Amino acid sequence: MTTSPVFRPRRTCLYMPGANPRALEKAKSLPADVLILDLEDAVAPDAKAEARQVILDAVSARAYGAREVIIRINGLDTPWGHDDIKMVAAAAPDGILVPKVMTAEEVLELDRTLSQAGAAPDLGLWVMIEMPLAILNIQDIAAASRETRLSGFVMGTNDLAKEYNSIATADRLAFQVPLALALAAARAYGLLAIDGVYNDFKNEEGLVAECEQGRIMGFDGKTLIHPAQLEAANRVFSPDPGDVAQAEAVIEAFTQPENQGKGVIKVNGKMVEILHLEQAKRLVAINSAIAAMS
């Protein structure tokens, strides 16, 4: 029952503190594909109720243009989770992001709770993959998308580092297994897969390297913690112009009468198959969507 648009760009998913009205106002002009308005980590316990109202007002104003708006709530096992979901149902953003999901049963409970609160059926449910138990249950969690709103995974590498008692290195060696398993499950069930944050927001070289690694692995985009990271991440996760030109040539070639019914043809000196046609259509569609947002 995945509701996520297949070809919508999610190169940059920027966390914005829900308790900061100025930050939410600034977000209206930032070149982010996705805004994640945060009620969890960025908001102190005694500020949750106020932040909830700030986010409700901001989202209800419908002033973020083509940017996808996601609200990260507190877990249902906290004192704030159920009130957060009621607010989400009233605000009607594009989606909701839930932290520390570890089982398929939790996904089912979240879906039921959203429905009971009056949330629209097409509201996307994204979940944070940031606990060891979530990695062990990752296929079952992904499979819950068949009967729920579940539409995406967001990697929580900071929490994974804490829970694994691992050391963060530039090559992210400690995270290769959880990242790969989550990505495999996402692709097997048609879900989004968004890479974790890069903490040193002043280190553009390090950010670019980590974005390139994430893109090579197959992630749709990256979560970010500061607007200064947007330009580099947008650049890395955008289609290469040469690749777009080749994709357009592949699409055009398969429409030619002499190629009708063929499974393999030659385009610009390269052998391409039907599977490359599907990849080409996806690449061109994403590139067009990015151009439209710009």
Protein backbone atom coordinates (compact mmCIF):
# COMPACT_ATOMS: atom_id res chain seq x y z
CA MET A 1 0.00 0.00 0.00
CA THR A 2 2.98 2.29 -0.55
CA THR A 3 1.85 5.83 -1.44
CA SER A 4 5.19 7.51 -2.16
CA PRO A 5 5.48 9.07 -5.64
CA VAL A 6 7.98 6.93 -7.56
CA PHE A 7 9.81 9.76 -9.30
CA ARG A 8 9.72 12.53 -6.70
CA PRO A 9 13.24 13.75 -5.85
CA ARG A 10 14.40 13.31 -2.26
CA ARG A 11 18.04 14.34 -2.71
CA THR A 12 18.04 16.51 0.39
CA CYS A 13 15.91 15.91 3.48
CA LEU A 14 16.60 18.75 5.92
CA TYR A 15 15.74 18.49 9.61
CA MET A 16 14.22 21.73 10.95
CA PRO A 17 13.58 22.31 14.70
CA GLY A 18 9.87 22.45 15.35
CA ALA A 19 10.24 24.81 18.30
CA ASN A 20 11.87 27.53 16.19
CA PRO A 21 9.34 29.61 14.19
CA ARG A 22 12.16 31.59 12.53
CA ALA A 23 13.74 28.40 11.24
CA LEU A 24 10.42 27.18 9.87
CA GLU A 25 9.94 30.53 8.14
CA LYS A 26 13.43 30.35 6.63
CA ALA A 27 12.66 26.86 5.33
CA LYS A 28 10.25 28.38 2.81
CA SER A 29 13.18 29.68 0.78
CA LEU A 30 15.68 26.81 1.17
CA PRO A 31 16.53 24.53 -1.81
CA ALA A 32 15.59 21.33 0.00
CA ASP A 33 13.54 18.62 -1.65
CA VAL A 34 12.15 17.53 1.72
CA LEU A 35 11.67 19.42 4.99
CA ILE A 36 11.53 17.27 8.12
CA LEU A 37 9.92 19.39 10.84
CA ASP A 38 11.18 17.84 14.04
CA LEU A 39 9.26 17.28 17.27
CA GLU A 40 11.68 14.67 18.63
CA ASP A 41 15.41 15.26 19.15
CA ALA A 42 15.34 18.99 18.39
CA VAL A 43 12.67 19.81 20.99
CA ALA A 44 13.10 19.73 24.77
CA PRO A 45 10.42 17.89 26.78
CA ASP A 46 8.93 21.07 28.23
CA ALA A 47 8.67 22.62 24.75
CA LYS A 48 6.86 19.76 22.99
CA ALA A 49 3.34 21.20 23.21
CA GLU A 50 4.43 24.64 22.00
CA ALA A 51 6.43 23.13 19.13
CA ARG A 52 3.44 21.01 18.14
CA GLN A 53 1.33 24.16 17.73
CA VAL A 54 4.10 25.97 15.85
CA ILE A 55 4.36 23.10 13.36
CA LEU A 56 0.58 22.84 13.01
CA ASP A 57 0.36 26.52 12.12
CA ALA A 58 3.32 26.36 9.72
CA VAL A 59 2.12 23.29 7.82
CA SER A 60 -1.50 24.39 7.69
CA ALA A 61 -0.45 27.60 5.94
CA ARG A 62 0.66 25.53 2.89
CA ALA A 63 3.56 27.92 2.22
CA TYR A 64 6.37 25.48 1.40
CA GLY A 65 5.72 25.24 -2.32
CA ALA A 66 6.91 22.08 -4.05
CA ARG A 67 8.94 20.97 -1.05
CA GLU A 68 7.75 17.74 0.53
CA VAL A 69 6.83 18.33 4.17
CA ILE A 70 7.36 15.54 6.71
CA ILE A 71 6.78 15.81 10.45
CA ARG A 72 9.00 13.73 12.73
CA ILE A 73 7.00 12.85 15.81
CA ASN A 74 7.91 11.32 19.14
CA GLY A 75 7.41 7.58 19.48
CA LEU A 76 4.07 6.18 20.60
CA ASP A 77 5.82 4.88 23.73
CA THR A 78 6.52 8.45 24.88
CA PRO A 79 4.13 10.87 26.63
CA TRP A 80 3.87 12.95 23.44
CA GLY A 81 3.47 10.48 20.59
CA HIS A 82 -0.32 10.19 20.46
CA ASP A 83 -0.82 13.97 20.67
CA ASP A 84 1.75 14.37 17.90
CA ILE A 85 -0.24 12.02 15.67
CA LYS A 86 -3.46 13.94 16.31
CA MET A 87 -1.68 17.12 15.24
CA VAL A 88 -0.30 15.43 12.12
CA ALA A 89 -3.80 14.32 11.13
CA ALA A 90 -5.02 17.90 11.48
CA ALA A 91 -2.03 19.48 9.72
CA ALA A 92 -2.10 17.02 6.79
CA PRO A 93 1.57 17.16 5.73
CA ASP A 94 2.94 14.91 3.00
CA GLY A 95 4.12 12.40 5.55
CA ILE A 96 5.16 11.47 9.04
CA LEU A 97 8.52 10.17 10.27
CA VAL A 98 8.59 7.94 13.34
CA PRO A 99 11.76 7.25 15.35
CA LYS A 100 13.13 3.96 16.67
CA VAL A 101 10.72 1.60 14.91
CA MET A 102 11.91 -1.96 15.51
CA THR A 103 9.17 -4.37 14.43
CA ALA A 104 6.49 -4.83 11.80
CA GLU A 105 3.91 -4.83 14.59
CA GLU A 106 4.89 -1.26 15.41
CA VAL A 107 4.30 -0.25 11.80
CA LEU A 108 0.85 -1.82 11.90
CA GLU A 109 0.07 -0.02 15.17
CA LEU A 110 1.23 3.30 13.74
CA ASP A 111 -0.95 2.83 10.68
CA ARG A 112 -3.99 2.01 12.81
CA THR A 113 -3.35 4.99 15.07
CA LEU A 114 -3.06 7.34 12.11
CA SER A 115 -6.35 6.07 10.68
CA GLN A 116 -8.09 6.42 14.03
CA ALA A 117 -6.83 10.01 14.27
CA GLY A 118 -8.35 10.80 10.88
CA ALA A 119 -5.16 10.95 8.83
CA ALA A 120 -5.62 10.79 5.07
CA PRO A 121 -4.98 7.36 3.50
CA ASP A 122 -2.28 8.85 1.25
CA LEU A 123 -0.25 10.34 4.10
CA GLY A 124 3.18 8.72 3.81
CA LEU A 125 4.64 6.82 6.75
CA TRP A 126 8.43 6.97 6.98
CA VAL A 127 10.26 5.16 9.77
CA MET A 128 13.70 5.63 11.29
CA ILE A 129 15.94 2.59 11.08
CA GLU A 130 18.30 3.25 13.97
CA MET A 131 18.17 0.30 16.37
CA PRO A 132 19.87 -3.12 16.17
CA LEU A 133 16.53 -4.92 16.48
CA ALA A 134 15.23 -3.00 13.45
CA ILE A 135 18.14 -4.34 11.40
CA LEU A 136 17.39 -7.89 12.51
CA ASN A 137 13.70 -7.41 11.61
CA ILE A 138 14.26 -5.30 8.50
CA GLN A 139 12.52 -7.56 5.95
CA ASP A 140 9.41 -7.95 8.12
CA ILE A 141 9.29 -4.19 8.66
CA ALA A 142 9.53 -3.54 4.92
CA ALA A 143 6.90 -6.18 4.16
CA ALA A 144 4.43 -4.29 6.37
CA SER A 145 4.19 -1.79 3.50
CA ARG A 146 1.91 -4.28 1.73
CA GLU A 147 -0.90 -3.48 4.15
CA THR A 148 -0.03 -0.07 5.59
CA ARG A 149 1.02 3.46 4.58
CA LEU A 150 4.70 2.60 5.05
CA SER A 151 6.60 4.28 2.21
CA GLY A 152 10.17 4.88 3.33
CA PHE A 153 13.17 4.17 5.53
CA VAL A 154 15.38 6.90 6.99
CA MET A 155 18.68 5.71 8.41
CA GLY A 156 19.52 6.95 11.90
CA THR A 157 23.27 6.45 11.89
CA ASN A 158 23.91 8.46 15.07
CA ASP A 159 21.69 6.16 17.12
CA LEU A 160 23.08 3.11 15.35
CA ALA A 161 26.60 4.18 16.34
CA LYS A 162 25.48 4.54 19.96
CA GLU A 163 23.62 1.22 20.05
CA TYR A 164 26.37 -0.70 18.23
CA ASN A 165 29.04 0.88 20.44
CA SER A 166 30.87 1.48 17.18
CA ILE A 167 33.43 4.05 16.08
CA ALA A 168 32.47 6.41 13.28
CA THR A 169 35.10 6.50 10.53
CA ALA A 170 35.19 8.30 7.19
CA ASP A 171 34.44 5.09 5.28
CA ARG A 172 31.53 4.24 7.64
CA LEU A 173 32.83 0.69 7.93
CA ALA A 174 30.73 0.09 11.05
CA PHE A 175 27.53 0.89 9.17
CA GLN A 176 28.04 -1.04 5.94
CA VAL A 177 25.96 -4.05 7.02
CA PRO A 178 22.95 -2.14 8.45
CA LEU A 179 22.94 0.31 5.55
CA ALA A 180 23.08 -2.48 2.98
CA LEU A 181 20.40 -4.58 4.67
CA ALA A 182 18.01 -1.65 5.02
CA LEU A 183 18.59 -0.66 1.41
CA ALA A 184 17.99 -4.22 0.18
CA ALA A 185 14.72 -4.43 2.10
CA ALA A 186 13.60 -1.04 0.84
CA ARG A 187 14.25 -1.94 -2.77
CA ALA A 188 12.63 -5.36 -2.41
CA TYR A 189 9.38 -3.74 -1.27
CA GLY A 190 9.44 -0.52 -3.29
CA LEU A 191 10.26 1.86 -0.45
CA LEU A 192 12.29 5.04 -0.26
CA ALA A 193 15.73 4.77 1.30
CA ILE A 194 17.26 7.93 2.77
CA ASP A 195 20.82 7.94 4.12
CA GLY A 196 21.76 9.19 7.60
CA VAL A 197 23.13 12.57 8.60
CA TYR A 198 26.68 13.90 8.39
CA ASN A 199 27.42 15.68 11.65
CA ASP A 200 30.35 17.94 10.74
CA PHE A 201 28.33 20.49 8.77
CA LYS A 202 31.35 22.75 8.19
CA ASN A 203 33.30 19.96 6.49
CA GLU A 204 32.03 20.07 2.90
CA GLU A 205 34.68 17.68 1.60
CA GLY A 206 33.64 15.04 4.10
CA LEU A 207 29.96 15.61 3.34
CA VAL A 208 30.52 15.24 -0.40
CA ALA A 209 32.44 12.00 0.12
CA GLU A 210 29.67 10.55 2.29
CA CYS A 211 26.98 11.66 -0.17
CA GLU A 212 28.89 10.03 -3.01
CA GLN A 213 29.16 6.83 -0.99
CA GLY A 214 25.43 6.88 -0.29
CA ARG A 215 24.58 7.50 -3.91
CA ILE A 216 26.87 4.68 -5.06
CA MET A 217 25.11 2.34 -2.61
CA GLY A 218 21.73 3.33 -4.04
CA PHE A 219 20.15 5.72 -1.54
CA ASP A 220 17.59 8.21 -2.86
CA GLY A 221 19.05 11.09 -0.88
CA LYS A 222 20.48 12.17 2.44
CA THR A 223 19.18 13.63 5.68
CA LEU A 224 20.87 16.90 6.61
CA ILE A 225 21.21 18.89 9.82
CA HIS A 226 22.12 22.34 8.46
CA PRO A 227 21.12 24.46 5.43
CA ALA A 228 24.82 24.85 4.59
CA GLN A 229 24.81 21.17 3.53
CA LEU A 230 22.08 21.58 0.90
CA GLU A 231 24.11 22.71 -2.08
CA ALA A 232 26.65 19.89 -1.93
CA ALA A 233 24.07 17.15 -1.30
CA ASN A 234 21.77 18.42 -4.04
CA ARG A 235 24.69 18.41 -6.46
CA VAL A 236 25.85 14.89 -5.64
CA PHE A 237 22.39 13.31 -5.76
CA SER A 238 21.32 15.10 -8.95
CA PRO A 239 21.53 13.13 -12.21
CA ASP A 240 24.68 13.72 -14.25
CA PRO A 241 23.85 15.67 -17.46
CA GLY A 242 25.67 13.10 -19.57
CA ASP A 243 23.65 10.30 -18.00
CA VAL A 244 20.43 12.21 -18.68
CA ALA A 245 21.38 12.69 -22.33
CA GLN A 246 22.11 8.98 -22.70
CA ALA A 247 18.83 8.10 -20.96
CA GLU A 248 16.90 10.33 -23.35
CA ALA A 249 18.65 8.66 -26.27
CA VAL A 250 17.72 5.21 -24.93
CA ILE A 251 14.07 6.21 -24.57
CA GLU A 252 14.02 7.66 -28.08
CA ALA A 253 15.72 4.61 -29.58
CA PHE A 254 13.17 2.19 -28.15
CA THR A 255 10.35 4.20 -29.74
CA GLN A 256 11.75 3.75 -33.24
CA PRO A 257 9.73 1.37 -35.47
CA GLU A 258 12.77 -0.75 -36.28
CA ASN A 259 13.32 -1.43 -32.57
CA GLN A 260 9.78 -2.43 -31.67
CA GLY A 261 9.72 -5.82 -29.97
CA LYS A 262 13.47 -5.93 -29.50
CA GLY A 263 14.93 -6.73 -26.09
CA VAL A 264 18.44 -5.50 -26.84
CA ILE A 265 19.54 -2.60 -29.07
CA LYS A 266 22.63 -0.43 -29.54
CA VAL A 267 22.51 3.23 -28.45
CA ASN A 268 25.54 5.49 -28.85
CA GLY A 269 27.80 2.50 -29.13
CA LYS A 270 26.42 0.78 -26.00
CA MET A 271 24.24 -2.32 -25.78
CA VAL A 272 21.08 -1.58 -23.81
CA GLU A 273 18.23 -3.82 -22.68
CA ILE A 274 14.63 -3.30 -21.62
CA LEU A 275 15.77 -2.98 -18.01
CA HIS A 276 17.93 -0.02 -19.08
CA LEU A 277 14.84 1.56 -20.63
CA GLU A 278 13.08 1.48 -17.25
CA GLN A 279 16.14 2.99 -15.57
CA ALA A 280 16.28 5.65 -18.28
CA LYS A 281 12.64 6.62 -17.76
CA ARG A 282 13.20 6.94 -14.02
CA LEU A 283 16.31 9.08 -14.46
CA VAL A 284 14.64 11.43 -16.95
CA ALA A 285 11.54 11.74 -14.77
CA ILE A 286 13.59 12.62 -11.68
CA ASN A 287 15.64 15.12 -13.67
CA SER A 288 12.44 16.75 -14.94
CA ALA A 289 11.02 16.92 -11.42
CA ILE A 290 14.20 18.59 -10.15
CA ALA A 291 14.07 21.11 -12.99
CA ALA A 292 10.43 21.87 -12.18
CA MET A 293 11.29 22.54 -8.52
CA SER A 294 14.16 24.81 -9.52
